[in-house]
Protein backbone atom coordinates (compact mmCIF):
# COMPACT_ATOMS: atom_id res chain seq x y z
CA MET A 1 93.16 121.23 103.23
CA PRO A 2 90.25 122.17 101.79
CA GLU A 3 86.31 120.48 103.40
CA ASP A 4 84.85 119.73 99.51
CA LYS A 5 87.23 118.70 97.02
CA ASN A 6 84.75 120.09 94.31
CA ASN A 7 85.47 123.34 95.05
CA ALA A 8 89.05 122.72 95.72
CA THR A 9 92.33 124.63 93.20
CA PRO A 10 93.71 122.30 90.60
CA ASP A 11 96.60 122.77 92.96
CA VAL A 12 95.26 121.22 96.14
CA LEU A 13 93.87 118.26 93.86
CA SER A 14 97.70 117.90 93.15
CA SER A 15 98.89 117.53 95.65
CA LEU A 16 95.54 115.20 97.13
CA ASN A 17 97.08 112.92 94.03
CA LEU A 18 99.99 113.19 94.85
CA MET A 19 99.69 112.18 98.75
CA ASN A 20 97.65 109.13 97.68
CA TYR A 21 100.16 108.09 96.09
CA ARG A 22 102.60 107.93 98.45
CA LEU A 23 100.22 106.51 100.97
CA GLU A 24 99.67 103.65 98.94
CA THR A 25 103.21 103.13 98.03
CA LEU A 26 103.52 103.42 101.37
CA GLU A 27 101.41 100.10 101.89
CA LYS A 28 102.66 98.31 99.65
CA LYS A 29 105.50 98.94 101.59
CA LEU A 30 103.96 97.93 104.28
CA ASP A 31 102.70 94.61 102.61
CA MET A 32 106.15 93.40 101.43
CA LEU A 33 107.36 94.20 104.87
CA SER A 34 104.28 92.18 106.31
CA LYS A 35 105.71 89.26 104.66
CA GLU A 36 109.22 89.52 104.87
CA LEU A 37 108.34 88.63 108.06
CA GLU A 38 106.22 85.93 108.27
CA LYS A 39 109.56 84.18 106.52
CA GLU A 40 112.63 85.48 108.31
CA SER A 41 113.51 83.51 110.99
CA ASP A 42 116.37 85.32 112.73
CA HIS A 43 115.62 87.55 115.81
CA GLY A 44 117.21 90.93 115.36
CA LYS A 45 115.90 91.24 111.43
CA GLN A 46 113.19 91.06 112.99
CA GLN A 47 112.92 93.65 114.88
CA ASN A 48 114.72 95.34 112.68
CA ILE A 49 111.30 94.95 110.59
CA LEU A 50 109.03 95.17 112.77
CA ASN A 51 110.64 98.51 114.25
CA THR A 52 110.28 99.83 110.11
CA ILE A 53 106.61 98.70 110.26
CA ASN A 54 105.63 100.39 113.16
CA SER A 55 107.36 103.74 111.02
CA LEU A 56 105.34 103.33 108.71
CA VAL A 57 101.94 102.18 110.07
CA GLU A 58 102.53 106.05 112.65
CA ILE A 59 103.47 108.03 109.34
CA LEU A 60 100.10 106.15 107.60
CA GLU A 61 97.64 106.86 110.18
CA LYS A 62 98.77 110.45 110.56
CA ASN A 63 98.98 111.15 107.08
CA GLN A 64 95.38 109.28 107.02
CA ASN A 65 94.19 111.92 108.91
CA ARG A 66 94.92 114.46 107.20
CA LEU A 67 93.39 113.61 104.60
CA SER A 68 90.21 113.06 106.02
């Protein structure tokens, strides 16, 4: 990715916009799962939700590092 987004080609800007949209979608899913976890009383389901949350956090961190 170019360091200066002002000089980026339309294709690169389009890719960046798509990546930002996907990151926002993952962040919304993370919020939903966090709320679901608060309400869940079954330990097995809590563990599954936590595993999914951890995976999403890892994906978000990797992708946010690519954008910076």
